[in-house]
Amino acid sequence: MITLQRSYTYQIAIGSRNSAKIKAVKKAFFLLFPHTTCVFYPIEVNTGVAVQPFGLDSTIQGAITRAKNAYKTIFSSESSSSTQLGIGIEAGLVSVPYTATGYLDFQFCALFQADGSISIGSGPAFEYPQKIIDNLLSNSEHHEIGTIIEELSSIPNIKQKEGAIGFLTDGVLERSDILQYSVIMAILPLKNPKLYSS
């Protein structure tokens, strides 16, 4: 059971125990809120989508479901002096015209706030080699990109570490690097509440 620490300015429930996602969320908040005290609560939650999402709708829905479920699992309805947030990150293949394979891998983040509002952010997108896409499409019910990259790279549990982007860039970037941009984009309304208020 998680014990909440009420003295923090931001309490952030993260809808995953994936270390790359946790690192990305922490980096994003520390960059945008360097003088704010934050505490993070990673928790594994149901995404409501396939293990390997395809399409914008499915990928974004996965991020939203992660954020909502993390929030509802960690925080009660009791009032708190802290701002309580839910964060969900989901990566998925999205059909993009003029690409060689027909797909780009996008990273999406959803931020869920206590009032029910949701903001969405996207990170950089990149294309996989054709043989990886072919492998995935021929076994879509049993495969996800992380599994295929793990087999190809011989790096155990790669999606928790440098990820596919780390393998493809030979370590120039790692998964948390590109995920953090999706988090930064999603928390812009939190950073600029007056500009984003309706």
N, C-alpha and C. Protein backbone atom coordinates (compact mmCIF):
# COMPACT_ATOMS: atom_id res chain seq x y z
N MET A 1 0.84 -1.20 0.00
CA MET A 1 0.00 0.00 0.00
C MET A 1 0.87 1.25 0.00
N ILE A 2 0.47 2.24 -0.80
CA ILE A 2 1.24 3.47 -0.91
C ILE A 2 0.76 4.49 0.12
N THR A 3 1.68 5.06 0.87
CA THR A 3 1.36 6.10 1.83
C THR A 3 1.63 7.46 1.19
N LEU A 4 0.61 8.28 1.11
CA LEU A 4 0.76 9.59 0.48
C LEU A 4 1.47 10.56 1.41
N GLN A 5 2.32 11.37 0.81
CA GLN A 5 3.05 12.39 1.56
C GLN A 5 2.41 13.74 1.26
N ARG A 6 1.67 14.25 2.19
CA ARG A 6 0.80 15.41 1.95
C ARG A 6 1.55 16.74 1.83
N SER A 7 2.81 16.77 2.17
CA SER A 7 3.52 18.05 2.22
C SER A 7 4.07 18.50 0.86
N TYR A 8 3.93 17.67 -0.17
CA TYR A 8 4.52 18.01 -1.47
C TYR A 8 3.58 18.90 -2.29
N THR A 9 4.16 19.79 -3.10
CA THR A 9 3.36 20.67 -3.93
C THR A 9 2.64 19.89 -5.02
N TYR A 10 3.38 19.01 -5.71
CA TYR A 10 2.79 18.14 -6.73
C TYR A 10 2.93 16.68 -6.32
N GLN A 11 1.82 15.98 -6.37
CA GLN A 11 1.83 14.53 -6.20
C GLN A 11 1.40 13.94 -7.53
N ILE A 12 2.24 13.11 -8.10
CA ILE A 12 2.03 12.65 -9.47
C ILE A 12 1.94 11.13 -9.51
N ALA A 13 0.78 10.64 -9.90
CA ALA A 13 0.58 9.20 -10.09
C ALA A 13 0.95 8.88 -11.54
N ILE A 14 1.89 7.95 -11.71
CA ILE A 14 2.35 7.56 -13.05
C ILE A 14 1.79 6.19 -13.37
N GLY A 15 1.07 6.09 -14.48
CA GLY A 15 0.41 4.84 -14.85
C GLY A 15 1.32 3.81 -15.46
N SER A 16 2.44 3.53 -14.82
CA SER A 16 3.38 2.52 -15.29
C SER A 16 4.49 2.35 -14.25
N ARG A 17 5.07 1.15 -14.24
CA ARG A 17 6.29 0.92 -13.46
C ARG A 17 7.50 0.80 -14.37
N ASN A 18 7.32 1.11 -15.64
CA ASN A 18 8.42 1.07 -16.60
C ASN A 18 9.43 2.15 -16.23
N SER A 19 10.68 1.76 -16.01
CA SER A 19 11.69 2.72 -15.53
C SER A 19 11.96 3.84 -16.52
N ALA A 20 11.86 3.58 -17.82
CA ALA A 20 12.08 4.63 -18.81
C ALA A 20 10.97 5.69 -18.73
N LYS A 21 9.74 5.25 -18.51
CA LYS A 21 8.62 6.19 -18.40
C LYS A 21 8.72 7.00 -17.10
N ILE A 22 9.08 6.34 -16.03
CA ILE A 22 9.23 7.05 -14.75
C ILE A 22 10.33 8.11 -14.86
N LYS A 23 11.44 7.75 -15.45
CA LYS A 23 12.55 8.68 -15.63
C LYS A 23 12.12 9.87 -16.49
N ALA A 24 11.35 9.60 -17.54
CA ALA A 24 10.88 10.67 -18.43
C ALA A 24 9.99 11.67 -17.70
N VAL A 25 9.07 11.15 -16.88
CA VAL A 25 8.16 12.02 -16.12
C VAL A 25 8.95 12.88 -15.13
N LYS A 26 9.87 12.27 -14.43
CA LYS A 26 10.68 13.03 -13.47
C LYS A 26 11.50 14.11 -14.16
N LYS A 27 12.12 13.77 -15.27
CA LYS A 27 12.93 14.75 -16.00
C LYS A 27 12.09 15.93 -16.46
N ALA A 28 10.89 15.64 -16.98
CA ALA A 28 10.02 16.69 -17.49
C ALA A 28 9.59 17.65 -16.38
N PHE A 29 9.18 17.10 -15.22
CA PHE A 29 8.75 17.96 -14.12
C PHE A 29 9.91 18.75 -13.54
N PHE A 30 11.07 18.15 -13.46
CA PHE A 30 12.23 18.87 -12.93
C PHE A 30 12.67 19.98 -13.87
N LEU A 31 12.49 19.79 -15.18
CA LEU A 31 12.85 20.82 -16.15
C LEU A 31 11.87 22.00 -16.10
N LEU A 32 10.56 21.71 -16.06
CA LEU A 32 9.56 22.77 -16.10
C LEU A 32 9.27 23.38 -14.72
N PHE A 33 9.50 22.61 -13.67
CA PHE A 33 9.22 23.08 -12.31
C PHE A 33 10.45 22.85 -11.42
N PRO A 34 11.56 23.50 -11.74
CA PRO A 34 12.81 23.21 -11.02
C PRO A 34 12.80 23.54 -9.54
N HIS A 35 11.92 24.45 -9.14
CA HIS A 35 11.89 24.87 -7.74
C HIS A 35 10.64 24.35 -7.01
N THR A 36 9.99 23.37 -7.61
CA THR A 36 8.78 22.80 -7.04
C THR A 36 9.07 21.41 -6.49
N THR A 37 8.53 21.14 -5.31
CA THR A 37 8.74 19.83 -4.70
C THR A 37 7.70 18.86 -5.24
N CYS A 38 8.17 17.74 -5.78
CA CYS A 38 7.30 16.74 -6.37
C CYS A 38 7.55 15.38 -5.73
N VAL A 39 6.49 14.59 -5.67
CA VAL A 39 6.65 13.18 -5.30
C VAL A 39 5.91 12.35 -6.33
N PHE A 40 6.49 11.21 -6.68
CA PHE A 40 5.97 10.40 -7.79
C PHE A 40 5.54 9.04 -7.27
N TYR A 41 4.40 8.56 -7.78
CA TYR A 41 3.86 7.27 -7.39
C TYR A 41 3.64 6.41 -8.64
N PRO A 42 4.63 5.63 -9.05
CA PRO A 42 4.44 4.75 -10.20
C PRO A 42 3.57 3.55 -9.82
N ILE A 43 2.65 3.20 -10.70
CA ILE A 43 1.79 2.05 -10.44
C ILE A 43 1.37 1.43 -11.77
N GLU A 44 1.33 0.11 -11.81
CA GLU A 44 0.91 -0.59 -13.02
C GLU A 44 -0.62 -0.55 -13.10
N VAL A 45 -1.14 -0.15 -14.24
CA VAL A 45 -2.60 -0.03 -14.41
C VAL A 45 -3.03 -0.65 -15.73
N ASN A 46 -4.33 -0.88 -15.85
CA ASN A 46 -4.91 -1.37 -17.09
C ASN A 46 -4.96 -0.22 -18.10
N THR A 47 -4.55 -0.50 -19.34
CA THR A 47 -4.53 0.55 -20.37
C THR A 47 -5.80 0.60 -21.19
N GLY A 48 -6.52 -0.51 -21.24
CA GLY A 48 -7.74 -0.56 -22.04
C GLY A 48 -7.49 -0.70 -23.53
N VAL A 49 -6.22 -0.81 -23.94
CA VAL A 49 -5.89 -0.97 -25.36
C VAL A 49 -4.96 -2.17 -25.52
N ALA A 50 -4.69 -2.52 -26.77
CA ALA A 50 -3.82 -3.66 -27.06
C ALA A 50 -2.41 -3.39 -26.55
N VAL A 51 -1.65 -4.47 -26.33
CA VAL A 51 -0.26 -4.35 -25.88
C VAL A 51 0.54 -3.51 -26.87
N GLN A 52 0.26 -3.68 -28.16
CA GLN A 52 0.89 -2.85 -29.19
C GLN A 52 -0.21 -2.03 -29.87
N PRO A 53 -0.40 -0.78 -29.44
CA PRO A 53 -1.45 0.04 -30.05
C PRO A 53 -1.12 0.43 -31.49
N PHE A 54 -2.17 0.51 -32.30
CA PHE A 54 -2.08 1.01 -33.67
C PHE A 54 -3.05 2.17 -33.82
N GLY A 55 -2.58 3.25 -34.41
CA GLY A 55 -3.45 4.40 -34.71
C GLY A 55 -3.44 5.44 -33.61
N LEU A 56 -3.78 6.66 -34.02
CA LEU A 56 -3.82 7.79 -33.08
C LEU A 56 -4.82 7.54 -31.96
N ASP A 57 -6.03 7.14 -32.32
CA ASP A 57 -7.09 7.01 -31.33
C ASP A 57 -6.72 5.99 -30.25
N SER A 58 -6.26 4.83 -30.68
CA SER A 58 -5.92 3.78 -29.72
C SER A 58 -4.75 4.18 -28.83
N THR A 59 -3.73 4.79 -29.42
CA THR A 59 -2.54 5.17 -28.66
C THR A 59 -2.86 6.26 -27.64
N ILE A 60 -3.60 7.28 -28.07
CA ILE A 60 -3.96 8.37 -27.15
C ILE A 60 -4.92 7.86 -26.08
N GLN A 61 -5.86 6.99 -26.46
CA GLN A 61 -6.78 6.42 -25.48
C GLN A 61 -6.02 5.64 -24.42
N GLY A 62 -4.98 4.92 -24.83
CA GLY A 62 -4.16 4.19 -23.87
C GLY A 62 -3.49 5.11 -22.87
N ALA A 63 -2.99 6.25 -23.35
CA ALA A 63 -2.35 7.23 -22.47
C ALA A 63 -3.36 7.82 -21.48
N ILE A 64 -4.55 8.15 -21.99
CA ILE A 64 -5.59 8.73 -21.13
C ILE A 64 -6.04 7.73 -20.06
N THR A 65 -6.25 6.49 -20.47
CA THR A 65 -6.69 5.46 -19.52
C THR A 65 -5.64 5.22 -18.45
N ARG A 66 -4.37 5.21 -18.85
CA ARG A 66 -3.29 5.06 -17.88
C ARG A 66 -3.33 6.21 -16.86
N ALA A 67 -3.48 7.44 -17.35
CA ALA A 67 -3.48 8.61 -16.47
C ALA A 67 -4.65 8.58 -15.50
N LYS A 68 -5.84 8.29 -16.01
CA LYS A 68 -7.04 8.24 -15.16
C LYS A 68 -6.95 7.12 -14.13
N ASN A 69 -6.56 5.95 -14.58
CA ASN A 69 -6.50 4.81 -13.66
C ASN A 69 -5.43 4.99 -12.58
N ALA A 70 -4.31 5.59 -12.97
CA ALA A 70 -3.26 5.86 -11.98
C ALA A 70 -3.77 6.85 -10.93
N TYR A 71 -4.43 7.90 -11.41
CA TYR A 71 -4.96 8.92 -10.49
C TYR A 71 -5.97 8.30 -9.52
N LYS A 72 -6.93 7.54 -10.08
CA LYS A 72 -8.00 6.99 -9.25
C LYS A 72 -7.51 5.91 -8.30
N THR A 73 -6.43 5.22 -8.67
CA THR A 73 -5.88 4.18 -7.81
C THR A 73 -5.09 4.77 -6.65
N ILE A 74 -4.35 5.82 -6.91
CA ILE A 74 -3.46 6.40 -5.89
C ILE A 74 -4.17 7.38 -4.97
N PHE A 75 -5.02 8.23 -5.54
CA PHE A 75 -5.60 9.32 -4.76
C PHE A 75 -7.06 9.05 -4.40
N SER A 76 -7.41 9.42 -3.18
CA SER A 76 -8.80 9.30 -2.74
C SER A 76 -9.51 10.62 -3.02
N SER A 77 -10.75 10.69 -2.61
CA SER A 77 -11.53 11.92 -2.83
C SER A 77 -11.29 12.95 -1.73
N GLU A 78 -10.43 12.61 -0.76
CA GLU A 78 -10.14 13.56 0.31
C GLU A 78 -9.38 14.76 -0.24
N SER A 79 -9.64 15.91 0.36
CA SER A 79 -8.93 17.11 -0.08
C SER A 79 -7.47 17.04 0.33
N SER A 80 -6.64 17.71 -0.44
CA SER A 80 -5.21 17.70 -0.17
C SER A 80 -4.64 19.09 -0.42
N SER A 81 -3.61 19.43 0.32
CA SER A 81 -2.94 20.72 0.10
C SER A 81 -2.05 20.66 -1.14
N SER A 82 -1.80 19.46 -1.63
CA SER A 82 -0.98 19.28 -2.82
C SER A 82 -1.85 19.23 -4.07
N THR A 83 -1.26 19.52 -5.22
CA THR A 83 -1.92 19.32 -6.50
C THR A 83 -1.67 17.88 -6.92
N GLN A 84 -2.73 17.13 -7.08
CA GLN A 84 -2.62 15.71 -7.43
C GLN A 84 -2.92 15.51 -8.91
N LEU A 85 -2.04 14.75 -9.56
CA LEU A 85 -2.11 14.58 -11.01
C LEU A 85 -1.95 13.12 -11.39
N GLY A 86 -2.51 12.76 -12.54
CA GLY A 86 -2.29 11.43 -13.12
C GLY A 86 -1.58 11.60 -14.45
N ILE A 87 -0.55 10.78 -14.68
CA ILE A 87 0.20 10.83 -15.94
C ILE A 87 0.17 9.45 -16.59
N GLY A 88 -0.13 9.44 -17.89
CA GLY A 88 -0.10 8.20 -18.65
C GLY A 88 0.70 8.39 -19.92
N ILE A 89 1.56 7.45 -20.23
CA ILE A 89 2.37 7.51 -21.46
C ILE A 89 2.10 6.25 -22.27
N GLU A 90 1.87 6.43 -23.56
CA GLU A 90 1.65 5.29 -24.46
C GLU A 90 2.35 5.57 -25.79
N ALA A 91 3.05 4.56 -26.28
CA ALA A 91 3.66 4.65 -27.60
C ALA A 91 2.89 3.74 -28.54
N GLY A 92 2.72 4.17 -29.78
CA GLY A 92 1.98 3.37 -30.73
C GLY A 92 2.37 3.69 -32.16
N LEU A 93 2.03 2.79 -33.04
CA LEU A 93 2.30 2.98 -34.46
C LEU A 93 1.13 3.69 -35.12
N VAL A 94 1.45 4.78 -35.80
CA VAL A 94 0.42 5.61 -36.44
C VAL A 94 0.68 5.64 -37.93
N SER A 95 -0.37 5.44 -38.71
CA SER A 95 -0.25 5.48 -40.16
C SER A 95 0.08 6.89 -40.63
N VAL A 96 1.17 7.02 -41.37
CA VAL A 96 1.62 8.33 -41.85
C VAL A 96 1.96 8.23 -43.34
N PRO A 97 1.35 9.07 -44.17
CA PRO A 97 1.63 8.99 -45.61
C PRO A 97 3.08 9.35 -45.93
N TYR A 98 3.56 8.81 -47.03
CA TYR A 98 4.90 9.08 -47.59
C TYR A 98 6.03 8.41 -46.80
N THR A 99 5.70 7.65 -45.76
CA THR A 99 6.75 6.90 -45.06
C THR A 99 7.00 5.59 -45.80
N ALA A 100 8.20 5.05 -45.63
CA ALA A 100 8.57 3.81 -46.34
C ALA A 100 7.73 2.62 -45.88
N THR A 101 7.46 2.54 -44.59
CA THR A 101 6.73 1.40 -44.04
C THR A 101 5.23 1.66 -43.90
N GLY A 102 4.86 2.95 -43.94
CA GLY A 102 3.46 3.33 -43.72
C GLY A 102 3.18 3.76 -42.30
N TYR A 103 4.20 3.64 -41.41
CA TYR A 103 3.97 3.94 -40.00
C TYR A 103 5.13 4.74 -39.39
N LEU A 104 4.78 5.57 -38.40
CA LEU A 104 5.75 6.17 -37.50
C LEU A 104 5.38 5.77 -36.08
N ASP A 105 6.38 5.64 -35.25
CA ASP A 105 6.17 5.34 -33.83
C ASP A 105 6.07 6.67 -33.08
N PHE A 106 4.90 6.94 -32.50
CA PHE A 106 4.65 8.17 -31.75
C PHE A 106 4.59 7.88 -30.26
N GLN A 107 5.02 8.85 -29.47
CA GLN A 107 4.93 8.78 -28.01
C GLN A 107 3.90 9.82 -27.56
N PHE A 108 2.87 9.39 -26.85
CA PHE A 108 1.86 10.31 -26.35
C PHE A 108 1.79 10.27 -24.84
N CYS A 109 1.55 11.44 -24.26
CA CYS A 109 1.37 11.56 -22.82
C CYS A 109 0.03 12.23 -22.54
N ALA A 110 -0.67 11.75 -21.52
CA ALA A 110 -1.91 12.39 -21.07
C ALA A 110 -1.73 12.81 -19.61
N LEU A 111 -2.19 14.01 -19.32
CA LEU A 111 -2.19 14.54 -17.95
C LEU A 111 -3.63 14.66 -17.49
N PHE A 112 -3.95 14.00 -16.38
CA PHE A 112 -5.30 14.05 -15.81
C PHE A 112 -5.25 14.83 -14.51
N GLN A 113 -6.14 15.83 -14.39
CA GLN A 113 -6.17 16.65 -13.19
C GLN A 113 -7.43 16.39 -12.38
N ALA A 114 -7.43 16.86 -11.15
CA ALA A 114 -8.51 16.58 -10.21
C ALA A 114 -9.88 17.04 -10.71
N ASP A 115 -9.91 18.10 -11.52
CA ASP A 115 -11.18 18.60 -12.03
C ASP A 115 -11.68 17.81 -13.24
N GLY A 116 -10.96 16.77 -13.61
CA GLY A 116 -11.36 15.95 -14.75
C GLY A 116 -10.78 16.38 -16.08
N SER A 117 -10.05 17.49 -16.08
CA SER A 117 -9.48 17.97 -17.34
C SER A 117 -8.31 17.09 -17.77
N ILE A 118 -8.15 17.00 -19.09
CA ILE A 118 -7.10 16.18 -19.68
C ILE A 118 -6.35 17.01 -20.70
N SER A 119 -5.04 16.94 -20.67
CA SER A 119 -4.24 17.56 -21.73
C SER A 119 -3.33 16.49 -22.32
N ILE A 120 -3.06 16.63 -23.61
CA ILE A 120 -2.32 15.63 -24.37
C ILE A 120 -1.06 16.25 -24.94
N GLY A 121 0.02 15.50 -24.93
CA GLY A 121 1.26 15.94 -25.56
C GLY A 121 1.87 14.81 -26.37
N SER A 122 2.62 15.18 -27.39
CA SER A 122 3.28 14.19 -28.23
C SER A 122 4.78 14.42 -28.22
N GLY A 123 5.52 13.33 -28.31
CA GLY A 123 6.97 13.41 -28.44
C GLY A 123 7.37 13.21 -29.89
N PRO A 124 8.67 13.10 -30.15
CA PRO A 124 9.15 12.86 -31.51
C PRO A 124 8.65 11.52 -32.03
N ALA A 125 8.51 11.44 -33.35
CA ALA A 125 8.11 10.19 -33.99
C ALA A 125 9.23 9.72 -34.90
N PHE A 126 9.35 8.40 -35.05
CA PHE A 126 10.40 7.86 -35.92
C PHE A 126 9.89 6.60 -36.60
N GLU A 127 10.61 6.19 -37.64
CA GLU A 127 10.21 5.03 -38.43
C GLU A 127 11.11 3.84 -38.14
N TYR A 128 10.49 2.66 -38.09
CA TYR A 128 11.24 1.42 -37.90
C TYR A 128 11.66 0.84 -39.25
N PRO A 129 12.68 0.00 -39.26
CA PRO A 129 13.02 -0.72 -40.48
C PRO A 129 11.84 -1.59 -40.94
N GLN A 130 11.75 -1.81 -42.24
CA GLN A 130 10.63 -2.56 -42.82
C GLN A 130 10.47 -3.94 -42.20
N LYS A 131 11.59 -4.64 -41.95
CA LYS A 131 11.49 -6.01 -41.44
C LYS A 131 10.89 -6.06 -40.04
N ILE A 132 11.06 -5.01 -39.27
CA ILE A 132 10.46 -4.96 -37.94
C ILE A 132 8.94 -4.79 -38.06
N ILE A 133 8.51 -3.90 -38.94
CA ILE A 133 7.08 -3.69 -39.17
C ILE A 133 6.44 -4.96 -39.72
N ASP A 134 7.11 -5.60 -40.69
CA ASP A 134 6.58 -6.85 -41.26
C ASP A 134 6.43 -7.92 -40.19
N ASN A 135 7.43 -8.04 -39.33
CA ASN A 135 7.39 -9.01 -38.24
C ASN A 135 6.21 -8.72 -37.31
N LEU A 136 6.03 -7.46 -36.98
CA LEU A 136 4.96 -7.06 -36.09
C LEU A 136 3.59 -7.35 -36.71
N LEU A 137 3.41 -6.96 -37.97
CA LEU A 137 2.12 -7.12 -38.62
C LEU A 137 1.75 -8.59 -38.83
N SER A 138 2.75 -9.44 -39.00
CA SER A 138 2.46 -10.87 -39.22
C SER A 138 2.16 -11.59 -37.91
N ASN A 139 2.48 -10.95 -36.79
CA ASN A 139 2.23 -11.55 -35.47
C ASN A 139 1.62 -10.53 -34.52
N SER A 140 0.73 -9.70 -35.02
CA SER A 140 0.26 -8.55 -34.24
C SER A 140 -0.43 -8.93 -32.93
N GLU A 141 -1.02 -10.12 -32.86
CA GLU A 141 -1.71 -10.50 -31.62
C GLU A 141 -0.74 -10.93 -30.53
N HIS A 142 0.47 -11.31 -30.91
CA HIS A 142 1.41 -11.86 -29.94
C HIS A 142 2.68 -11.04 -29.77
N HIS A 143 2.81 -9.98 -30.55
CA HIS A 143 4.06 -9.22 -30.52
C HIS A 143 3.83 -7.76 -30.19
N GLU A 144 4.82 -7.17 -29.62
CA GLU A 144 4.90 -5.72 -29.53
C GLU A 144 6.30 -5.33 -29.96
N ILE A 145 6.47 -4.06 -30.30
CA ILE A 145 7.76 -3.59 -30.79
C ILE A 145 8.88 -3.94 -29.82
N GLY A 146 8.65 -3.74 -28.54
CA GLY A 146 9.68 -3.99 -27.54
C GLY A 146 10.21 -5.41 -27.58
N THR A 147 9.31 -6.37 -27.78
CA THR A 147 9.72 -7.78 -27.85
C THR A 147 10.57 -8.04 -29.09
N ILE A 148 10.17 -7.48 -30.22
CA ILE A 148 10.91 -7.67 -31.47
C ILE A 148 12.30 -7.05 -31.38
N ILE A 149 12.37 -5.83 -30.82
CA ILE A 149 13.66 -5.16 -30.68
C ILE A 149 14.55 -5.91 -29.69
N GLU A 150 13.96 -6.47 -28.65
CA GLU A 150 14.73 -7.25 -27.68
C GLU A 150 15.36 -8.47 -28.37
N GLU A 151 14.59 -9.14 -29.22
CA GLU A 151 15.11 -10.30 -29.95
C GLU A 151 16.20 -9.88 -30.94
N LEU A 152 15.98 -8.75 -31.61
CA LEU A 152 16.92 -8.27 -32.63
C LEU A 152 18.23 -7.78 -32.02
N SER A 153 18.12 -7.09 -30.89
CA SER A 153 19.30 -6.47 -30.27
C SER A 153 20.02 -7.39 -29.28
N SER A 154 19.32 -8.43 -28.82
CA SER A 154 19.83 -9.32 -27.77
C SER A 154 20.04 -8.58 -26.44
N ILE A 155 19.31 -7.48 -26.26
CA ILE A 155 19.36 -6.72 -25.00
C ILE A 155 18.11 -7.05 -24.20
N PRO A 156 18.25 -7.78 -23.09
CA PRO A 156 17.07 -8.16 -22.30
C PRO A 156 16.33 -6.93 -21.77
N ASN A 157 14.99 -7.00 -21.86
CA ASN A 157 14.12 -5.96 -21.29
C ASN A 157 14.49 -4.56 -21.78
N ILE A 158 14.76 -4.44 -23.06
CA ILE A 158 15.26 -3.18 -23.63
C ILE A 158 14.27 -2.03 -23.46
N LYS A 159 12.97 -2.32 -23.44
CA LYS A 159 11.99 -1.22 -23.34
C LYS A 159 12.01 -0.55 -21.97
N GLN A 160 12.59 -1.19 -20.98
CA GLN A 160 12.76 -0.58 -19.67
C GLN A 160 14.06 0.24 -19.60
N LYS A 161 14.88 0.10 -20.63
CA LYS A 161 16.20 0.74 -20.63
C LYS A 161 16.26 1.78 -21.74
N GLU A 162 17.18 1.54 -22.70
CA GLU A 162 17.37 2.53 -23.77
C GLU A 162 16.27 2.51 -24.81
N GLY A 163 15.52 1.42 -24.88
CA GLY A 163 14.43 1.31 -25.83
C GLY A 163 14.91 1.13 -27.26
N ALA A 164 13.94 1.04 -28.16
CA ALA A 164 14.26 0.88 -29.58
C ALA A 164 15.09 2.05 -30.10
N ILE A 165 14.77 3.26 -29.64
CA ILE A 165 15.48 4.44 -30.14
C ILE A 165 16.94 4.40 -29.70
N GLY A 166 17.22 3.85 -28.54
CA GLY A 166 18.60 3.69 -28.09
C GLY A 166 19.37 2.73 -28.97
N PHE A 167 18.69 1.63 -29.34
CA PHE A 167 19.30 0.64 -30.23
C PHE A 167 19.53 1.23 -31.62
N LEU A 168 18.53 1.91 -32.16
CA LEU A 168 18.62 2.44 -33.52
C LEU A 168 19.59 3.61 -33.64
N THR A 169 19.78 4.38 -32.56
CA THR A 169 20.72 5.52 -32.60
C THR A 169 22.08 5.19 -32.02
N ASP A 170 22.26 3.92 -31.67
CA ASP A 170 23.52 3.47 -31.07
C ASP A 170 23.85 4.26 -29.81
N GLY A 171 22.81 4.51 -29.02
CA GLY A 171 23.00 5.14 -27.72
C GLY A 171 23.01 6.66 -27.71
N VAL A 172 22.81 7.29 -28.87
CA VAL A 172 22.77 8.76 -28.90
C VAL A 172 21.55 9.28 -28.14
N LEU A 173 20.43 8.59 -28.31
CA LEU A 173 19.21 8.90 -27.57
C LEU A 173 18.78 7.64 -26.84
N GLU A 174 18.04 7.81 -25.75
CA GLU A 174 17.42 6.67 -25.10
C GLU A 174 15.93 6.93 -24.98
N ARG A 175 15.20 5.89 -24.62
CA ARG A 175 13.74 6.00 -24.62
C ARG A 175 13.23 7.14 -23.74
N SER A 176 13.81 7.31 -22.57
CA SER A 176 13.33 8.38 -21.67
C SER A 176 13.52 9.76 -22.29
N ASP A 177 14.53 9.92 -23.17
CA ASP A 177 14.76 11.21 -23.82
C ASP A 177 13.56 11.62 -24.67
N ILE A 178 13.07 10.68 -25.50
CA ILE A 178 11.96 11.06 -26.38
C ILE A 178 10.63 11.06 -25.64
N LEU A 179 10.50 10.22 -24.62
CA LEU A 179 9.26 10.22 -23.83
C LEU A 179 9.09 11.51 -23.06
N GLN A 180 10.19 12.08 -22.57
CA GLN A 180 10.08 13.29 -21.74
C GLN A 180 9.47 14.45 -22.52
N TYR A 181 9.69 14.48 -23.84
CA TYR A 181 9.10 15.57 -24.64
C TYR A 181 7.58 15.47 -24.68
N SER A 182 7.06 14.25 -24.74
CA SER A 182 5.61 14.10 -24.72
C SER A 182 5.04 14.58 -23.38
N VAL A 183 5.78 14.32 -22.29
CA VAL A 183 5.33 14.75 -20.97
C VAL A 183 5.37 16.27 -20.87
N ILE A 184 6.46 16.87 -21.34
CA ILE A 184 6.57 18.33 -21.31
C ILE A 184 5.41 18.96 -22.05
N MET A 185 5.08 18.44 -23.25
CA MET A 185 3.99 19.02 -24.03
C MET A 185 2.64 18.86 -23.33
N ALA A 186 2.46 17.75 -22.64
CA ALA A 186 1.18 17.51 -21.94
C ALA A 186 1.01 18.41 -20.73
N ILE A 187 2.12 18.80 -20.09
CA ILE A 187 1.99 19.59 -18.86
C ILE A 187 2.12 21.10 -19.10
N LEU A 188 2.12 21.51 -20.37
CA LEU A 188 2.16 22.95 -20.67
C LEU A 188 0.97 23.71 -20.05
N PRO A 189 -0.26 23.17 -20.07
CA PRO A 189 -1.36 23.89 -19.41
C PRO A 189 -1.15 24.04 -17.91
N LEU A 190 -0.47 23.07 -17.29
CA LEU A 190 -0.16 23.15 -15.87
C LEU A 190 0.89 24.23 -15.61
N LYS A 191 1.82 24.36 -16.53
CA LYS A 191 2.87 25.37 -16.43
C LYS A 191 2.33 26.78 -16.68
N ASN A 192 1.31 26.89 -17.53
CA ASN A 192 0.76 28.19 -17.93
C ASN A 192 -0.75 28.23 -17.72
N PRO A 193 -1.22 28.12 -16.49
CA PRO A 193 -2.67 27.99 -16.24
C PRO A 193 -3.50 29.19 -16.72
N LYS A 194 -2.94 30.39 -16.62
CA LYS A 194 -3.71 31.57 -17.06
C LYS A 194 -3.89 31.59 -18.57
N LEU A 195 -2.88 31.19 -19.29
CA LEU A 195 -2.96 31.17 -20.75
C LEU A 195 -3.93 30.11 -21.26
N TYR A 196 -3.99 28.98 -20.55
CA TYR A 196 -4.81 27.86 -21.00
C TYR A 196 -6.20 27.81 -20.39
N SER A 197 -6.50 28.73 -19.47
CA SER A 197 -7.84 28.72 -18.85
C SER A 197 -8.88 29.16 -19.86
N SER A 198 -10.05 28.52 -19.81
CA SER A 198 -11.10 28.82 -20.78
C SER A 198 -11.95 29.98 -20.29
